[in-house]
Every structure is written in C-alpha cells, then in structure tokens.
Protein backbone atom coordinates (compact mmCIF):
# COMPACT_ATOMS: atom_id res chain seq x y z
CA MET A 1 -7.77 -7.07 6.34
CA GLN A 2 -9.03 -9.95 8.49
CA LYS A 3 -6.32 -12.58 8.91
CA LYS A 4 -7.45 -16.07 7.98
CA VAL A 5 -6.77 -18.89 10.39
CA TYR A 6 -6.27 -22.42 9.05
CA THR A 7 -6.49 -25.40 11.39
CA ASN A 8 -5.57 -29.03 10.88
CA PRO A 9 -7.90 -31.00 13.16
CA LEU A 10 -5.93 -34.24 12.80
CA ILE A 11 -2.55 -33.02 14.01
CA GLY A 12 -3.74 -30.02 16.02
CA ASP A 13 -1.71 -27.39 14.14
CA LYS A 14 -2.88 -23.89 13.32
CA ALA A 15 -1.52 -21.39 10.78
CA VAL A 16 -2.37 -17.68 10.67
CA PHE A 17 -1.22 -15.74 7.61
CA LEU A 18 0.00 -12.42 8.99
CA LYS A 19 1.48 -11.21 5.69
CA THR A 20 1.10 -13.00 2.40
CA ALA A 21 3.39 -12.86 -0.61
CA GLU A 22 0.64 -10.93 -2.40
CA GLU A 23 0.43 -8.35 0.40
CA THR A 24 4.22 -7.77 0.38
CA ASN A 25 4.63 -7.76 -3.41
CA GLY A 26 6.53 -11.02 -3.15
CA GLU A 27 9.08 -9.74 -0.63
CA TYR A 28 8.11 -12.19 2.13
CA SER A 29 5.40 -14.36 3.66
CA LEU A 30 4.89 -14.26 7.44
CA ILE A 31 2.99 -17.09 9.09
CA GLU A 32 2.21 -17.62 12.77
CA VAL A 33 2.16 -21.34 13.53
CA GLU A 34 0.76 -23.12 16.56
CA LEU A 35 2.32 -26.55 16.78
CA ALA A 36 0.91 -29.36 18.90
CA PRO A 37 3.12 -31.26 21.36
CA GLY A 38 5.41 -33.60 19.44
CA GLY A 39 4.39 -31.98 16.16
CA GLY A 40 6.71 -30.99 13.38
CA ASN A 41 8.03 -32.27 10.10
CA THR A 42 10.78 -34.41 8.59
CA LEU A 43 14.02 -33.37 6.91
CA HIS A 44 13.39 -31.40 3.75
CA SER A 45 14.69 -28.41 1.78
CA HIS A 46 13.35 -25.49 -0.25
CA ARG A 47 14.98 -24.22 -3.43
CA ASP A 48 13.02 -21.00 -3.71
CA PHE A 49 13.11 -19.33 -0.28
CA THR A 50 14.82 -19.04 3.09
CA GLU A 51 12.90 -19.65 6.31
CA THR A 52 13.44 -17.70 9.52
CA PHE A 53 11.94 -19.18 12.68
CA VAL A 54 11.18 -17.10 15.81
CA PRO A 55 9.42 -18.78 18.77
CA LEU A 56 6.79 -16.69 20.55
CA GLU A 57 5.61 -19.20 23.19
CA GLY A 58 7.46 -22.37 24.14
CA GLU A 59 10.63 -23.84 22.69
CA LEU A 60 11.14 -24.84 19.07
CA LEU A 61 13.63 -27.48 18.01
CA ILE A 62 15.31 -26.67 14.70
CA ARG A 63 17.70 -28.84 12.75
CA ASN A 64 19.56 -26.80 10.15
CA GLY A 65 21.98 -28.99 8.22
CA ASP A 66 24.06 -30.84 10.82
CA ARG A 67 23.29 -28.32 13.55
CA GLN A 68 20.44 -28.88 15.98
CA MET A 69 19.25 -26.16 18.33
CA VAL A 70 16.37 -25.41 20.65
CA LEU A 71 15.17 -21.85 20.25
CA LYS A 72 13.52 -19.96 23.10
CA PRO A 73 11.07 -17.07 22.60
CA GLY A 74 12.73 -14.16 20.85
CA GLU A 75 15.65 -16.18 19.48
CA LYS A 76 15.77 -16.88 15.78
CA ALA A 77 17.32 -19.16 13.21
CA THR A 78 17.41 -18.75 9.46
CA VAL A 79 17.56 -21.76 7.16
CA PRO A 80 19.16 -20.90 3.81
CA VAL A 81 17.93 -22.03 0.41
CA ASN A 82 18.65 -25.74 -0.26
CA ALA A 83 19.59 -26.51 3.37
CA LEU A 84 18.18 -29.70 4.83
CA HIS A 85 16.14 -28.80 7.89
CA LEU A 86 13.21 -29.67 10.10
CA PHE A 87 11.33 -28.21 13.03
CA LYS A 88 9.62 -29.89 15.97
CA ASN A 89 7.80 -29.12 19.20
CA PRO A 90 9.91 -31.03 21.74
CA GLY A 91 7.61 -30.19 24.65
CA ASP A 92 4.32 -31.40 26.07
CA LYS A 93 2.38 -28.15 25.42
CA PRO A 94 1.49 -26.38 22.19
CA ILE A 95 4.02 -23.81 21.02
CA LYS A 96 3.64 -20.73 18.86
CA PHE A 97 6.21 -19.34 16.45
CA HIS A 98 6.60 -17.11 13.43
CA VAL A 99 8.12 -18.38 10.21
CA GLU A 100 9.11 -15.89 7.54
CA LEU A 101 9.73 -17.00 3.95
CA ARG A 102 11.98 -14.77 1.81
CA PRO A 103 11.05 -14.17 -0.87
CA GLY A 104 7.36 -14.73 -0.26
CA HIS A 105 5.90 -17.92 -1.67
CA SER A 106 2.18 -18.03 -2.51
CA GLY A 107 2.49 -21.70 -3.51
CA PHE A 108 3.63 -22.60 0.02
CA GLU A 109 0.77 -20.54 1.46
CA ASN A 110 -1.74 -22.33 -0.79
CA CYS A 111 -0.23 -25.70 0.12
CA ILE A 112 -1.05 -25.09 3.80
CA LYS A 113 -4.59 -23.99 2.96
CA ILE A 114 -5.21 -27.04 0.79
CA ALA A 115 -3.53 -29.54 3.12
CA TYR A 116 -5.46 -28.32 6.16
CA GLY A 117 -8.69 -28.25 4.12
CA LEU A 118 -8.16 -31.82 2.95
CA ALA A 119 -7.57 -32.89 6.55
CA THR A 120 -10.74 -31.12 7.67
CA ASP A 121 -12.70 -32.86 4.91
CA GLY A 122 -11.38 -36.33 5.85
CA LEU A 123 -9.30 -36.67 2.68
CA THR A 124 -6.01 -37.40 4.46
CA THR A 125 -4.60 -40.17 6.64
CA LYS A 126 -4.48 -39.78 10.42
CA LYS A 127 -0.98 -38.33 10.00
CA SER A 128 -2.42 -35.75 7.58
CA MET A 129 -0.96 -37.18 4.36
CA PRO A 130 -3.35 -36.84 1.38
CA LYS A 131 -5.07 -40.09 0.48
CA SER A 132 -5.00 -39.10 -3.19
CA PHE A 133 -1.62 -39.43 -4.93
CA SER A 134 -2.62 -36.54 -7.21
CA HIS A 135 -3.35 -34.30 -4.22
CA ALA A 136 0.00 -35.22 -2.62
CA ALA A 137 1.84 -34.50 -5.87
CA ILE A 138 0.19 -31.11 -6.25
CA LEU A 139 0.99 -30.16 -2.65
CA LEU A 140 4.64 -31.14 -3.07
CA THR A 141 5.07 -29.09 -6.22
CA LEU A 142 3.06 -26.09 -4.97
CA SER A 143 5.02 -25.84 -1.74
CA GLY A 144 8.48 -25.91 -3.25
CA THR A 145 9.41 -28.58 -0.71
CA TYR A 146 11.89 -31.34 -1.46
CA PRO A 147 12.01 -34.41 0.78
CA ASN A 148 15.24 -36.01 1.98
CA GLY A 149 16.60 -39.52 1.69
CA ILE A 150 14.74 -42.28 -0.09
CA PHE A 151 11.70 -40.03 -0.53
CA SER A 152 13.75 -37.69 -2.73
CA LEU A 153 13.67 -40.44 -5.38
CA LEU A 154 9.92 -39.88 -5.67
CA VAL A 155 10.21 -36.21 -6.69
CA PRO A 156 10.35 -36.81 -10.48
CA ILE A 157 7.33 -39.12 -10.25
CA MET A 158 5.47 -36.60 -8.11
CA LYS A 159 6.21 -33.79 -10.57
CA TRP A 160 4.95 -35.96 -13.44
CA GLN A 161 1.78 -36.83 -11.49
CA ALA A 162 1.22 -33.17 -10.56
CA ALA A 163 1.45 -32.18 -14.24
CA ARG A 164 -1.14 -34.84 -15.13
CA ALA A 165 -3.41 -33.69 -12.29
CA ARG A 166 -3.13 -30.07 -13.42
CA LYS A 167 -4.20 -31.05 -16.95
CA LYS A 168 -7.25 -32.76 -15.45
CA GLY A 169 -8.16 -29.61 -13.50
CA ILE A 170 -7.47 -31.12 -10.07
CA GLU A 171 -5.20 -28.29 -8.93
CA ARG A 172 -7.77 -25.68 -10.01
CA MET A 173 -10.49 -27.56 -8.12
CA LEU A 174 -8.34 -27.64 -4.96
CA MET A 175 -7.47 -23.94 -5.31
CA ASP A 176 -11.12 -23.00 -5.85
CA LYS A 177 -12.29 -25.02 -2.86
CA TYR A 178 -9.59 -24.21 -0.30
CA CYS A 179 -7.80 -21.02 -1.36
CA ARG A 180 -10.59 -18.54 -2.11
C-alpha cells in the first residue's frame, strides 16, 4: 500500500503514516514526522494511548512530566497515558523521528490529516490553528489531546462545541474532504 504523506505548508512539518490503527487492528499507529527547526508543540496529555519517540535524523527534545531530555538517533522515550509532555526540534535543521501510539488511534491520525489539510487550504492562522472554533473543537476531540494549564479550562467548552459541530455535519464534511 502506498504510504500517504501529509504536509503542513505553514509550519513546514510532514507526517508519513507508516502503519495506521486500521492496518494493525488497533494495536498501534506508526508515524514518521519531519519537524521544522524550532517546531514542536506545547504541554499536553493523552488519555487513550502512550507515545514512543525515536529520532531518525537530528536531535529531538522531549519533556515527559518533569524530566526533559534530548534524544539522539536510535534513542527512545515513551510517554505514558496521562503524562504531561511535549516535543520540540531544538536545532536549526529539520529533524525526522518516528512516533508510535499504543494502542493505535485513528482519531489522532485523522486529526493530522484534517489539520494539515486546513492549513493547506488557508483555513488556519499562520501558527496553524484553525480559524473556525468548530474545526478546532473537532480536532481536539478527535485527537484525544488534552491541553495543559489555563487552556485545560476550555476542554468542556470544546467538547460541547464539537458535539454541536458533529450534529451539523461539520466533522463528516472534514473527514470526507481530508481523510479519504
């Protein structure tokens, strides 16, 4: 099967789905990520899966709870369920790494496809945040991602908005456009 490559033109990231949850009967998802210099995310957690990070090219900064580490190619770190974590490219060149989700999570996979599609279509800010509150709410709930700090207070509102958007067919429209 031809592996699909998803690119976010605004932040310069690329994701290649090497094994999807569907292909592994839900056992795991395996994604190869190319992360632009300075790229990464903010503190967050996942309640449904662990993440194991393995750099292939370049160094990957991981914060796992209170522990921060810089992984070199071949090293790995696993973030358990519910652990606050983030990852970043601390260097000045793109890096490449694998991230494995256990168990696999098709919602997370679809979140990447939709988010990168929205960015490609000009429907996000320059920092790749959806301009539509409904789109943002759907992405948050699909991905199983929970923000940290003050943003965690928004989760109940986002879940409510995502439910409204689903009733209006917005999630189906996003899935049809970006995930087929």
